[in-house]
Protein backbone atom coordinates (compact mmCIF):
# COMPACT_ATOMS: atom_id res chain seq x y z
CA UNK A 1 0.00 0.00 0.00
CA UNK A 2 1.45 3.35 -1.07
CA UNK A 3 0.28 6.84 -0.32
CA UNK A 4 0.05 8.89 -3.51
CA UNK A 5 -0.21 12.69 -3.49
CA UNK A 6 -1.55 14.56 -6.49
CA UNK A 7 -1.27 18.33 -6.64
CA UNK A 8 -3.29 20.48 -8.97
CA UNK A 9 -5.68 23.37 -9.36
CA UNK A 10 -9.39 23.09 -8.83
CA UNK A 11 -11.76 26.03 -9.21
CA UNK A 12 -8.88 28.48 -9.16
CA UNK A 13 -7.40 27.08 -5.96
CA UNK A 14 -4.32 24.97 -5.31
CA UNK A 15 -5.31 21.59 -3.92
CA UNK A 16 -3.54 18.39 -2.95
CA UNK A 17 -5.33 15.07 -3.16
CA UNK A 18 -4.16 12.12 -1.13
CA UNK A 19 -4.91 8.60 -2.32
CA UNK A 20 -4.02 5.18 -1.06
CA UNK A 21 -2.78 2.99 -3.86
CA UNK A 22 -3.12 -0.72 -3.25
CA UNK A 23 -0.54 -2.82 -5.03
CA UNK A 24 -0.99 -6.45 -5.78
CA UNK A 25 1.29 -8.55 -3.62
CA UNK A 26 3.24 -11.38 -5.20
CA UNK A 27 1.75 -14.78 -4.40
CA UNK A 28 3.20 -16.39 -1.30
CA UNK A 29 4.39 -19.97 -1.67
CA UNK A 30 3.32 -22.51 0.90
CA UNK A 31 6.11 -24.19 2.86
CA UNK A 32 5.58 -27.46 1.03
CA UNK A 33 5.96 -25.68 -2.33
CA UNK A 34 9.26 -24.15 -1.20
CA UNK A 35 10.51 -27.55 -0.03
CA UNK A 36 9.41 -29.10 -3.34
CA UNK A 37 11.35 -26.49 -5.32
CA UNK A 38 14.42 -27.12 -3.16
CA UNK A 39 14.13 -30.90 -3.65
CA UNK A 40 13.88 -30.55 -7.43
CA UNK A 41 16.81 -28.12 -7.49
CA UNK A 42 19.04 -30.45 -5.43
CA UNK A 43 18.08 -33.45 -7.55
CA UNK A 44 18.84 -31.55 -10.74
CA UNK A 45 22.20 -30.45 -9.29
CA UNK A 46 23.15 -34.00 -8.28
CA UNK A 47 22.11 -35.34 -11.68
CA UNK A 48 24.08 -32.66 -13.54
CA UNK A 49 27.19 -33.13 -11.42
CA UNK A 50 27.04 -36.90 -11.89
CA UNK A 51 26.36 -37.06 -15.62
CA UNK A 52 28.03 -33.85 -16.89
CA UNK A 53 30.59 -32.41 -14.45
CA UNK A 54 32.17 -35.61 -13.09
CA UNK A 55 32.92 -37.19 -16.52
CA UNK A 56 34.75 -33.99 -17.52
CA UNK A 57 36.74 -33.43 -14.31
CA UNK A 58 37.16 -37.04 -13.10
CA UNK A 59 37.72 -35.81 -9.53
CA UNK A 60 36.43 -38.26 -6.87
CA UNK A 61 35.98 -35.35 -4.42
CA UNK A 62 32.92 -34.43 -6.49
CA UNK A 63 31.32 -37.71 -5.44
CA UNK A 64 30.85 -36.40 -1.90
CA UNK A 65 29.20 -33.22 -3.23
CA UNK A 66 26.89 -35.36 -5.34
CA UNK A 67 26.05 -37.45 -2.27
CA UNK A 68 25.30 -34.25 -0.31
CA UNK A 69 22.89 -33.11 -3.01
CA UNK A 70 21.24 -36.54 -3.05
CA UNK A 71 20.72 -36.28 0.72
CA UNK A 72 19.37 -32.72 0.46
CA UNK A 73 16.96 -33.81 -2.28
CA UNK A 74 15.76 -36.71 -0.12
CA UNK A 75 15.21 -34.61 2.99
CA UNK A 76 13.51 -31.83 1.02
CA UNK A 77 11.22 -34.38 -0.63
CA UNK A 78 10.34 -35.84 2.75
CA UNK A 79 9.79 -32.31 4.11
CA UNK A 80 7.50 -31.50 1.16
CA UNK A 81 5.25 -34.42 2.03
CA UNK A 82 5.24 -33.51 5.72
CA UNK A 83 4.39 -29.83 5.13
CA UNK A 84 1.69 -30.80 2.65
CA UNK A 85 0.10 -33.14 5.18
CA UNK A 86 0.49 -30.53 7.91
CA UNK A 87 -1.30 -27.95 5.75
CA UNK A 88 -4.37 -30.21 5.74
CA UNK A 89 -4.00 -30.99 9.48
CA UNK A 90 -3.35 -34.68 8.85
CA UNK A 91 -0.24 -34.77 11.05
CA UNK A 92 0.75 -32.93 14.24
CA UNK A 93 3.28 -30.06 14.32
CA UNK A 94 6.91 -31.14 14.09
CA UNK A 95 10.35 -29.73 14.85
CA UNK A 96 12.50 -28.61 11.94
CA UNK A 97 15.29 -31.19 12.35
CA UNK A 98 16.07 -34.41 10.54
CA UNK A 99 15.25 -36.86 13.34
CA UNK A 100 11.87 -35.31 14.10
CA UNK A 101 10.90 -35.22 10.42
CA UNK A 102 12.17 -38.74 9.75
CA UNK A 103 10.36 -40.24 12.75
CA UNK A 104 7.09 -38.55 11.81
CA UNK A 105 7.53 -39.61 8.19
CA UNK A 106 8.14 -43.22 9.24
CA UNK A 107 5.26 -43.28 11.74
CA UNK A 108 2.52 -41.42 9.82
CA UNK A 109 3.32 -40.97 6.13
CA UNK A 110 4.77 -44.36 5.18
CA UNK A 111 1.75 -46.36 6.44
CA UNK A 112 -0.88 -43.83 5.31
CA UNK A 113 0.39 -43.63 1.71
CA UNK A 114 1.69 -47.20 1.49
CA UNK A 115 5.21 -46.03 0.66
CA UNK A 116 7.65 -48.92 0.37
CA UNK A 117 10.01 -49.48 3.31
CA UNK A 118 12.98 -49.37 0.91
CA UNK A 119 12.68 -45.56 0.74
CA UNK A 120 12.68 -45.26 4.51
CA UNK A 121 15.77 -47.49 4.71
CA UNK A 122 17.41 -45.60 1.85
CA UNK A 123 16.94 -42.23 3.59
CA UNK A 124 18.49 -43.62 6.78
CA UNK A 125 21.41 -45.18 4.85
CA UNK A 126 22.28 -41.92 3.07
CA UNK A 127 21.96 -39.98 6.33
CA UNK A 128 24.38 -42.38 8.04
CA UNK A 129 26.94 -42.07 5.22
CA UNK A 130 26.73 -38.26 5.38
CA UNK A 131 27.12 -38.36 9.19
CA UNK A 132 30.16 -40.65 8.88
CA UNK A 133 31.67 -38.35 6.28
CA UNK A 134 31.24 -35.32 8.54
CA UNK A 135 32.89 -36.92 11.56
CA UNK A 136 35.51 -38.91 9.65
CA UNK A 137 39.13 -37.99 10.27
CA UNK A 138 40.52 -39.91 7.31
CA UNK A 139 39.19 -39.74 3.76
CA UNK A 140 40.98 -40.37 0.50
CA UNK A 141 40.56 -40.97 -3.21
CA UNK A 142 41.20 -44.31 -4.83
CA UNK A 143 40.80 -44.54 -8.61
CA UNK A 144 37.14 -43.75 -9.31
CA UNK A 145 35.91 -43.85 -5.73
CA UNK A 146 35.99 -41.78 -2.57
CA UNK A 147 36.82 -43.73 0.60
CA UNK A 148 35.58 -42.71 4.06
CA UNK A 149 37.33 -44.32 7.04
CA UNK A 150 35.52 -44.83 10.30
CA UNK A 151 37.15 -44.68 13.75
CA UNK A 152 37.73 -48.44 13.72
CA UNK A 153 39.27 -48.08 10.22
CA UNK A 154 36.48 -49.92 8.47
CA UNK A 155 35.76 -48.15 5.20
CA UNK A 156 32.81 -46.98 3.16
CA UNK A 157 33.35 -46.25 -0.50
CA UNK A 158 31.32 -43.89 -2.66
CA UNK A 159 31.43 -44.84 -6.35
CA UNK A 160 29.89 -43.55 -9.57
CA UNK A 161 27.65 -46.61 -10.20
CA UNK A 162 26.45 -46.41 -6.60
CA UNK A 163 25.57 -42.71 -7.01
CA UNK A 164 23.79 -43.38 -10.30
CA UNK A 165 21.62 -45.88 -8.45
CA UNK A 166 21.04 -43.33 -5.64
CA UNK A 167 19.94 -40.65 -8.11
CA UNK A 168 17.55 -43.14 -9.74
CA UNK A 169 15.99 -43.98 -6.35
CA UNK A 170 15.65 -40.28 -5.48
CA UNK A 171 13.85 -39.68 -8.79
CA UNK A 172 11.41 -42.45 -7.88
CA UNK A 173 10.88 -40.93 -4.43
CA UNK A 174 10.29 -37.47 -5.94
CA UNK A 175 7.71 -39.05 -8.25
CA UNK A 176 5.90 -40.53 -5.23
CA UNK A 177 5.97 -37.10 -3.57
CA UNK A 178 4.50 -35.48 -6.69
CA UNK A 179 1.66 -38.03 -6.69
CA UNK A 180 0.89 -37.38 -3.01
CA UNK A 181 0.89 -33.60 -3.43
CA UNK A 182 -1.05 -33.69 -6.70
CA UNK A 183 -3.84 -36.02 -5.59
CA UNK A 184 -4.67 -34.49 -2.21
C-alpha atoms as a PDB file:
ATOM      1  CA  UNK A   1       0.000   0.000   0.000  1.00  0.00           C
ATOM      2  CA  UNK A   2       1.445   3.349  -1.068  1.00  0.00           C
ATOM      3  CA  UNK A   3       0.281   6.835  -0.322  1.00  0.00           C
ATOM      4  CA  UNK A   4       0.051   8.893  -3.506  1.00  0.00           C
ATOM      5  CA  UNK A   5      -0.213  12.691  -3.489  1.00  0.00           C
ATOM      6  CA  UNK A   6      -1.554  14.565  -6.493  1.00  0.00           C
ATOM      7  CA  UNK A   7      -1.269  18.326  -6.635  1.00  0.00           C
ATOM      8  CA  UNK A   8      -3.287  20.484  -8.974  1.00  0.00           C
ATOM      9  CA  UNK A   9      -5.676  23.372  -9.357  1.00  0.00           C
ATOM     10  CA  UNK A  10      -9.391  23.088  -8.833  1.00  0.00           C
ATOM     11  CA  UNK A  11     -11.760  26.029  -9.210  1.00  0.00           C
ATOM     12  CA  UNK A  12      -8.877  28.477  -9.158  1.00  0.00           C
ATOM     13  CA  UNK A  13      -7.400  27.080  -5.957  1.00  0.00           C
ATOM     14  CA  UNK A  14      -4.320  24.966  -5.314  1.00  0.00           C
ATOM     15  CA  UNK A  15      -5.311  21.587  -3.917  1.00  0.00           C
ATOM     16  CA  UNK A  16      -3.538  18.395  -2.949  1.00  0.00           C
ATOM     17  CA  UNK A  17      -5.325  15.072  -3.157  1.00  0.00           C
ATOM     18  CA  UNK A  18      -4.161  12.116  -1.131  1.00  0.00           C
ATOM     19  CA  UNK A  19      -4.911   8.602  -2.323  1.00  0.00           C
ATOM     20  CA  UNK A  20      -4.023   5.182  -1.056  1.00  0.00           C
ATOM     21  CA  UNK A  21      -2.783   2.991  -3.864  1.00  0.00           C
ATOM     22  CA  UNK A  22      -3.120  -0.725  -3.254  1.00  0.00           C
ATOM     23  CA  UNK A  23      -0.543  -2.819  -5.025  1.00  0.00           C
ATOM     24  CA  UNK A  24      -0.994  -6.448  -5.785  1.00  0.00           C
ATOM     25  CA  UNK A  25       1.288  -8.548  -3.618  1.00  0.00           C
ATOM     26  CA  UNK A  26       3.242 -11.378  -5.202  1.00  0.00           C
ATOM     27  CA  UNK A  27       1.746 -14.777  -4.400  1.00  0.00           C
ATOM     28  CA  UNK A  28       3.202 -16.391  -1.305  1.00  0.00           C
ATOM     29  CA  UNK A  29       4.390 -19.971  -1.671  1.00  0.00           C
ATOM     30  CA  UNK A  30       3.320 -22.509   0.900  1.00  0.00           C
ATOM     31  CA  UNK A  31       6.108 -24.190   2.860  1.00  0.00           C
ATOM     32  CA  UNK A  32       5.576 -27.460   1.026  1.00  0.00           C
ATOM     33  CA  UNK A  33       5.962 -25.683  -2.331  1.00  0.00           C
ATOM     34  CA  UNK A  34       9.258 -24.151  -1.203  1.00  0.00           C
ATOM     35  CA  UNK A  35      10.506 -27.547  -0.027  1.00  0.00           C
ATOM     36  CA  UNK A  36       9.407 -29.103  -3.341  1.00  0.00           C
ATOM     37  CA  UNK A  37      11.354 -26.492  -5.321  1.00  0.00           C
ATOM     38  CA  UNK A  38      14.418 -27.118  -3.157  1.00  0.00           C
ATOM     39  CA  UNK A  39      14.127 -30.898  -3.655  1.00  0.00           C
ATOM     40  CA  UNK A  40      13.878 -30.550  -7.427  1.00  0.00           C
ATOM     41  CA  UNK A  41      16.812 -28.123  -7.492  1.00  0.00           C
ATOM     42  CA  UNK A  42      19.037 -30.453  -5.432  1.00  0.00           C
ATOM     43  CA  UNK A  43      18.077 -33.454  -7.550  1.00  0.00           C
ATOM     44  CA  UNK A  44      18.838 -31.546 -10.743  1.00  0.00           C
ATOM     45  CA  UNK A  45      22.198 -30.445  -9.291  1.00  0.00           C
ATOM     46  CA  UNK A  46      23.147 -33.998  -8.282  1.00  0.00           C
ATOM     47  CA  UNK A  47      22.109 -35.345 -11.678  1.00  0.00           C
ATOM     48  CA  UNK A  48      24.075 -32.661 -13.543  1.00  0.00           C
ATOM     49  CA  UNK A  49      27.188 -33.131 -11.418  1.00  0.00           C
ATOM     50  CA  UNK A  50      27.042 -36.898 -11.886  1.00  0.00           C
ATOM     51  CA  UNK A  51      26.363 -37.055 -15.617  1.00  0.00           C
ATOM     52  CA  UNK A  52      28.026 -33.854 -16.889  1.00  0.00           C
ATOM     53  CA  UNK A  53      30.587 -32.410 -14.455  1.00  0.00           C
ATOM     54  CA  UNK A  54      32.165 -35.606 -13.095  1.00  0.00           C
ATOM     55  CA  UNK A  55      32.923 -37.185 -16.518  1.00  0.00           C
ATOM     56  CA  UNK A  56      34.753 -33.993 -17.516  1.00  0.00           C
ATOM     57  CA  UNK A  57      36.744 -33.433 -14.308  1.00  0.00           C
ATOM     58  CA  UNK A  58      37.160 -37.040 -13.097  1.00  0.00           C
ATOM     59  CA  UNK A  59      37.721 -35.808  -9.529  1.00  0.00           C
ATOM     60  CA  UNK A  60      36.434 -38.259  -6.866  1.00  0.00           C
ATOM     61  CA  UNK A  61      35.977 -35.351  -4.421  1.00  0.00           C
ATOM     62  CA  UNK A  62      32.916 -34.431  -6.494  1.00  0.00           C
ATOM     63  CA  UNK A  63      31.320 -37.712  -5.442  1.00  0.00           C
ATOM     64  CA  UNK A  64      30.850 -36.395  -1.902  1.00  0.00           C
ATOM     65  CA  UNK A  65      29.196 -33.223  -3.231  1.00  0.00           C
ATOM     66  CA  UNK A  66      26.894 -35.359  -5.344  1.00  0.00           C
ATOM     67  CA  UNK A  67      26.054 -37.451  -2.266  1.00  0.00           C
ATOM     68  CA  UNK A  68      25.302 -34.245  -0.313  1.00  0.00           C
ATOM     69  CA  UNK A  69      22.889 -33.108  -3.012  1.00  0.00           C
ATOM     70  CA  UNK A  70      21.238 -36.544  -3.054  1.00  0.00           C
ATOM     71  CA  UNK A  71      20.717 -36.281   0.719  1.00  0.00           C
ATOM     72  CA  UNK A  72      19.365 -32.719   0.463  1.00  0.00           C
ATOM     73  CA  UNK A  73      16.964 -33.806  -2.280  1.00  0.00           C
ATOM     74  CA  UNK A  74      15.758 -36.707  -0.119  1.00  0.00           C
ATOM     75  CA  UNK A  75      15.212 -34.611   2.988  1.00  0.00           C
ATOM     76  CA  UNK A  76      13.508 -31.827   1.025  1.00  0.00           C
ATOM     77  CA  UNK A  77      11.218 -34.378  -0.632  1.00  0.00           C
ATOM     78  CA  UNK A  78      10.340 -35.840   2.751  1.00  0.00           C
ATOM     79  CA  UNK A  79       9.785 -32.313   4.108  1.00  0.00           C
ATOM     80  CA  UNK A  80       7.503 -31.502   1.162  1.00  0.00           C
ATOM     81  CA  UNK A  81       5.246 -34.418   2.030  1.00  0.00           C
ATOM     82  CA  UNK A  82       5.236 -33.505   5.720  1.00  0.00           C
ATOM     83  CA  UNK A  83       4.391 -29.830   5.134  1.00  0.00           C
ATOM     84  CA  UNK A  84       1.695 -30.796   2.649  1.00  0.00           C
ATOM     85  CA  UNK A  85       0.103 -33.145   5.183  1.00  0.00           C
ATOM     86  CA  UNK A  86       0.490 -30.532   7.910  1.00  0.00           C
ATOM     87  CA  UNK A  87      -1.302 -27.952   5.754  1.00  0.00           C
ATOM     88  CA  UNK A  88      -4.367 -30.211   5.744  1.00  0.00           C
ATOM     89  CA  UNK A  89      -3.997 -30.988   9.477  1.00  0.00           C
ATOM     90  CA  UNK A  90      -3.353 -34.682   8.850  1.00  0.00           C
ATOM     91  CA  UNK A  91      -0.242 -34.768  11.049  1.00  0.00           C
ATOM     92  CA  UNK A  92       0.753 -32.931  14.243  1.00  0.00           C
ATOM     93  CA  UNK A  93       3.281 -30.065  14.324  1.00  0.00           C
ATOM     94  CA  UNK A  94       6.910 -31.140  14.094  1.00  0.00           C
ATOM     95  CA  UNK A  95      10.347 -29.731  14.849  1.00  0.00           C
ATOM     96  CA  UNK A  96      12.498 -28.614  11.942  1.00  0.00           C
ATOM     97  CA  UNK A  97      15.288 -31.190  12.353  1.00  0.00           C
ATOM     98  CA  UNK A  98      16.069 -34.411  10.538  1.00  0.00           C
ATOM     99  CA  UNK A  99      15.246 -36.858  13.339  1.00  0.00           C
ATOM    100  CA  UNK A 100      11.869 -35.309  14.096  1.00  0.00           C
ATOM    101  CA  UNK A 101      10.903 -35.221  10.424  1.00  0.00           C
ATOM    102  CA  UNK A 102      12.172 -38.741   9.752  1.00  0.00           C
ATOM    103  CA  UNK A 103      10.361 -40.243  12.755  1.00  0.00           C
ATOM    104  CA  UNK A 104       7.086 -38.547  11.810  1.00  0.00           C
ATOM    105  CA  UNK A 105       7.533 -39.613   8.186  1.00  0.00           C
ATOM    106  CA  UNK A 106       8.142 -43.216   9.244  1.00  0.00           C
ATOM    107  CA  UNK A 107       5.257 -43.278  11.742  1.00  0.00           C
ATOM    108  CA  UNK A 108       2.520 -41.423   9.825  1.00  0.00           C
ATOM    109  CA  UNK A 109       3.318 -40.973   6.131  1.00  0.00           C
ATOM    110  CA  UNK A 110       4.768 -44.365   5.176  1.00  0.00           C
ATOM    111  CA  UNK A 111       1.754 -46.361   6.440  1.00  0.00           C
ATOM    112  CA  UNK A 112      -0.878 -43.832   5.306  1.00  0.00           C
ATOM    113  CA  UNK A 113       0.393 -43.627   1.715  1.00  0.00           C
ATOM    114  CA  UNK A 114       1.693 -47.200   1.485  1.00  0.00           C
ATOM    115  CA  UNK A 115       5.213 -46.028   0.663  1.00  0.00           C
ATOM    116  CA  UNK A 116       7.647 -48.918   0.373  1.00  0.00           C
ATOM    117  CA  UNK A 117      10.009 -49.480   3.308  1.00  0.00           C
ATOM    118  CA  UNK A 118      12.980 -49.373   0.914  1.00  0.00           C
ATOM    119  CA  UNK A 119      12.677 -45.559   0.742  1.00  0.00           C
ATOM    120  CA  UNK A 120      12.675 -45.255   4.513  1.00  0.00           C
ATOM    121  CA  UNK A 121      15.767 -47.486   4.715  1.00  0.00           C
ATOM    122  CA  UNK A 122      17.407 -45.598   1.853  1.00  0.00           C
ATOM    123  CA  UNK A 123      16.942 -42.226   3.589  1.00  0.00           C
ATOM    124  CA  UNK A 124      18.487 -43.624   6.777  1.00  0.00           C
ATOM    125  CA  UNK A 125      21.413 -45.180   4.853  1.00  0.00           C
ATOM    126  CA  UNK A 126      22.279 -41.917   3.073  1.00  0.00           C
ATOM    127  CA  UNK A 127      21.957 -39.976   6.328  1.00  0.00           C
ATOM    128  CA  UNK A 128      24.382 -42.375   8.040  1.00  0.00           C
ATOM    129  CA  UNK A 129      26.936 -42.068   5.216  1.00  0.00           C
ATOM    130  CA  UNK A 130      26.731 -38.265   5.380  1.00  0.00           C
ATOM    131  CA  UNK A 131      27.122 -38.363   9.186  1.00  0.00           C
ATOM    132  CA  UNK A 132      30.164 -40.655   8.885  1.00  0.00           C
ATOM    133  CA  UNK A 133      31.669 -38.352   6.277  1.00  0.00           C
ATOM    134  CA  UNK A 134      31.238 -35.322   8.535  1.00  0.00           C
ATOM    135  CA  UNK A 135      32.890 -36.922  11.560  1.00  0.00           C
ATOM    136  CA  UNK A 136      35.511 -38.905   9.654  1.00  0.00           C
ATOM    137  CA  UNK A 137      39.125 -37.994  10.274  1.00  0.00           C
ATOM    138  CA  UNK A 138      40.521 -39.913   7.313  1.00  0.00           C
ATOM    139  CA  UNK A 139      39.191 -39.737   3.759  1.00  0.00           C
ATOM    140  CA  UNK A 140      40.981 -40.369   0.504  1.00  0.00           C
ATOM    141  CA  UNK A 141      40.557 -40.968  -3.210  1.00  0.00           C
ATOM    142  CA  UNK A 142      41.201 -44.306  -4.832  1.00  0.00           C
ATOM    143  CA  UNK A 143      40.800 -44.541  -8.605  1.00  0.00           C
ATOM    144  CA  UNK A 144      37.137 -43.746  -9.312  1.00  0.00           C
ATOM    145  CA  UNK A 145      35.911 -43.849  -5.729  1.00  0.00           C
ATOM    146  CA  UNK A 146      35.988 -41.784  -2.574  1.00  0.00           C
ATOM    147  CA  UNK A 147      36.823 -43.730   0.601  1.00  0.00           C
ATOM    148  CA  UNK A 148      35.576 -42.711   4.062  1.00  0.00           C
ATOM    149  CA  UNK A 149      37.331 -44.319   7.039  1.00  0.00           C
ATOM    150  CA  UNK A 150      35.518 -44.825  10.301  1.00  0.00           C
ATOM    151  CA  UNK A 151      37.152 -44.677  13.746  1.00  0.00           C
ATOM    152  CA  UNK A 152      37.727 -48.443  13.718  1.00  0.00           C
ATOM    153  CA  UNK A 153      39.269 -48.077  10.223  1.00  0.00           C
ATOM    154  CA  UNK A 154      36.481 -49.918   8.469  1.00  0.00           C
ATOM    155  CA  UNK A 155      35.756 -48.150   5.203  1.00  0.00           C
ATOM    156  CA  UNK A 156      32.808 -46.979   3.157  1.00  0.00           C
ATOM    157  CA  UNK A 157      33.352 -46.249  -0.499  1.00  0.00           C
ATOM    158  CA  UNK A 158      31.319 -43.889  -2.659  1.00  0.00           C
ATOM    159  CA  UNK A 159      31.431 -44.836  -6.348  1.00  0.00           C
ATOM    160  CA  UNK A 160      29.893 -43.547  -9.566  1.00  0.00           C
ATOM    161  CA  UNK A 161      27.652 -46.610 -10.200  1.00  0.00           C
ATOM    162  CA  UNK A 162      26.453 -46.413  -6.601  1.00  0.00           C
ATOM    163  CA  UNK A 163      25.574 -42.712  -7.007  1.00  0.00           C
ATOM    164  CA  UNK A 164      23.789 -43.382 -10.299  1.00  0.00           C
ATOM    165  CA  UNK A 165      21.621 -45.876  -8.446  1.00  0.00           C
ATOM    166  CA  UNK A 166      21.042 -43.332  -5.636  1.00  0.00           C
ATOM    167  CA  UNK A 167      19.938 -40.650  -8.115  1.00  0.00           C
ATOM    168  CA  UNK A 168      17.548 -43.138  -9.744  1.00  0.00           C
ATOM    169  CA  UNK A 169      15.988 -43.977  -6.352  1.00  0.00           C
ATOM    170  CA  UNK A 170      15.648 -40.278  -5.476  1.00  0.00           C
ATOM    171  CA  UNK A 171      13.852 -39.678  -8.787  1.00  0.00           C
ATOM    172  CA  UNK A 172      11.410 -42.454  -7.884  1.00  0.00           C
ATOM    173  CA  UNK A 173      10.884 -40.928  -4.434  1.00  0.00           C
ATOM    174  CA  UNK A 174      10.292 -37.471  -5.942  1.00  0.00           C
ATOM    175  CA  UNK A 175       7.712 -39.052  -8.252  1.00  0.00           C
ATOM    176  CA  UNK A 176       5.904 -40.528  -5.229  1.00  0.00           C
ATOM    177  CA  UNK A 177       5.966 -37.102  -3.569  1.00  0.00           C
ATOM    178  CA  UNK A 178       4.501 -35.484  -6.689  1.00  0.00           C
ATOM    179  CA  UNK A 179       1.656 -38.026  -6.695  1.00  0.00           C
ATOM    180  CA  UNK A 180       0.885 -37.382  -3.014  1.00  0.00           C
ATOM    181  CA  UNK A 181       0.888 -33.596  -3.426  1.00  0.00           C
ATOM    182  CA  UNK A 182      -1.048 -33.689  -6.695  1.00  0.00           C
ATOM    183  CA  UNK A 183      -3.842 -36.024  -5.589  1.00  0.00           C
ATOM    184  CA  UNK A 184      -4.671 -34.492  -2.213  1.00  0.00           C
END
